[in-house]
């Protein structure tokens, strides 16, 4: 865990105990736990948003291909002419 051994962790915990006292230690641990919980929730939310953003173009292209399939021949010709004109 971050390159710290058991002795180093014990020394750190003793220093924290000296600074804050035995009465404040449970409050600090509770606050730290809540903070970690909020961080995990935020991380999960970001992952979900990222996955939605990655999946969005796939569903949009399927919709576009369906719309092109349902076009009449005249509409397809107009679309092709517009695309060719934009390339020039």
Protein backbone atom coordinates (compact mmCIF):
# COMPACT_ATOMS: atom_id res chain seq x y z
CA UNK A 1 0.00 0.00 0.00
CA UNK A 2 1.93 3.02 -1.29
CA UNK A 3 5.21 1.37 -0.33
CA UNK A 4 4.49 1.69 3.39
CA UNK A 5 5.16 -1.14 5.77
CA UNK A 6 3.35 -2.05 8.95
CA UNK A 7 5.68 -0.07 11.20
CA UNK A 8 5.29 3.10 9.14
CA UNK A 9 1.50 2.83 9.25
CA UNK A 10 1.53 2.37 13.03
CA UNK A 11 3.73 5.45 13.46
CA UNK A 12 1.43 7.50 11.21
CA UNK A 13 -1.66 6.34 13.14
CA UNK A 14 0.02 7.23 16.46
CA UNK A 15 0.87 10.72 15.19
CA UNK A 16 -2.72 11.21 14.02
CA UNK A 17 -3.94 10.00 17.42
CA UNK A 18 -1.69 12.53 19.15
CA UNK A 19 -2.83 15.42 16.95
CA UNK A 20 -6.57 14.80 17.04
CA UNK A 21 -7.12 12.76 20.20
CA UNK A 22 -9.10 9.60 20.76
CA UNK A 23 -12.47 11.37 20.71
CA UNK A 24 -12.00 12.90 17.24
CA UNK A 25 -10.58 9.76 15.59
CA UNK A 26 -13.97 8.06 14.94
CA UNK A 27 -15.32 11.29 13.45
CA UNK A 28 -12.32 11.56 11.15
CA UNK A 29 -12.69 7.94 10.06
CA UNK A 30 -16.40 8.46 9.41
CA UNK A 31 -15.70 11.57 7.33
CA UNK A 32 -12.99 9.74 5.39
CA UNK A 33 -15.38 6.86 4.71
CA UNK A 34 -18.09 9.21 3.45
CA UNK A 35 -15.58 10.99 1.24
CA UNK A 36 -14.39 7.73 -0.29
CA UNK A 37 -18.00 6.65 -0.83
CA UNK A 38 -18.80 9.92 -2.66
CA UNK A 39 -15.66 9.52 -4.76
CA UNK A 40 -16.70 6.02 -5.80
CA UNK A 41 -20.20 7.25 -6.71
CA UNK A 42 -18.75 10.06 -8.80
CA UNK A 43 -16.37 7.64 -10.52
CA UNK A 44 -19.24 5.26 -11.33
CA UNK A 45 -21.28 8.17 -12.71
CA UNK A 46 -18.40 9.28 -14.93
CA UNK A 47 -17.90 5.74 -16.20
CA UNK A 48 -21.61 5.49 -17.00
CA UNK A 49 -21.57 8.82 -18.88
CA UNK A 50 -18.47 7.77 -20.78
CA UNK A 51 -20.06 4.47 -21.78
CA UNK A 52 -23.20 6.29 -22.94
CA UNK A 53 -21.10 8.68 -25.02
CA UNK A 54 -19.22 5.79 -26.61
CA UNK A 55 -22.43 3.91 -27.42
CA UNK A 56 -24.33 6.95 -28.76
CA UNK A 57 -22.70 7.11 -32.23
CA UNK A 58 -23.45 3.42 -32.82
CA UNK A 59 -27.16 3.85 -32.25
CA UNK A 60 -27.25 7.07 -34.26
CA UNK A 61 -25.62 5.48 -37.31
CA UNK A 62 -28.15 2.63 -37.25
CA UNK A 63 -30.96 5.17 -37.24
CA UNK A 64 -29.36 7.03 -40.16
CA UNK A 65 -28.94 3.87 -42.22
CA UNK A 66 -32.60 3.00 -41.62
CA UNK A 67 -33.65 6.48 -42.72
CA UNK A 68 -31.60 6.18 -45.93
CA UNK A 69 -33.09 2.75 -46.67
CA UNK A 70 -36.59 4.21 -46.36
CA UNK A 71 -35.87 7.08 -48.78
CA UNK A 72 -37.31 7.08 -52.27
CA UNK A 73 -34.99 6.93 -55.27
CA UNK A 74 -35.51 10.65 -55.95
CA UNK A 75 -34.55 11.54 -52.38
CA UNK A 76 -31.46 9.33 -52.59
CA UNK A 77 -30.42 11.04 -55.85
CA UNK A 78 -30.84 14.51 -54.26
CA UNK A 79 -28.81 13.42 -51.24
CA UNK A 80 -26.04 12.03 -53.45
CA UNK A 81 -25.98 15.28 -55.48
CA UNK A 82 -25.71 17.36 -52.30
CA UNK A 83 -22.89 15.18 -50.95
CA UNK A 84 -20.99 15.36 -54.24
CA UNK A 85 -21.44 19.14 -54.38
CA UNK A 86 -20.07 19.52 -50.84
CA UNK A 87 -16.92 17.54 -51.75
CA UNK A 88 -16.01 20.00 -54.52
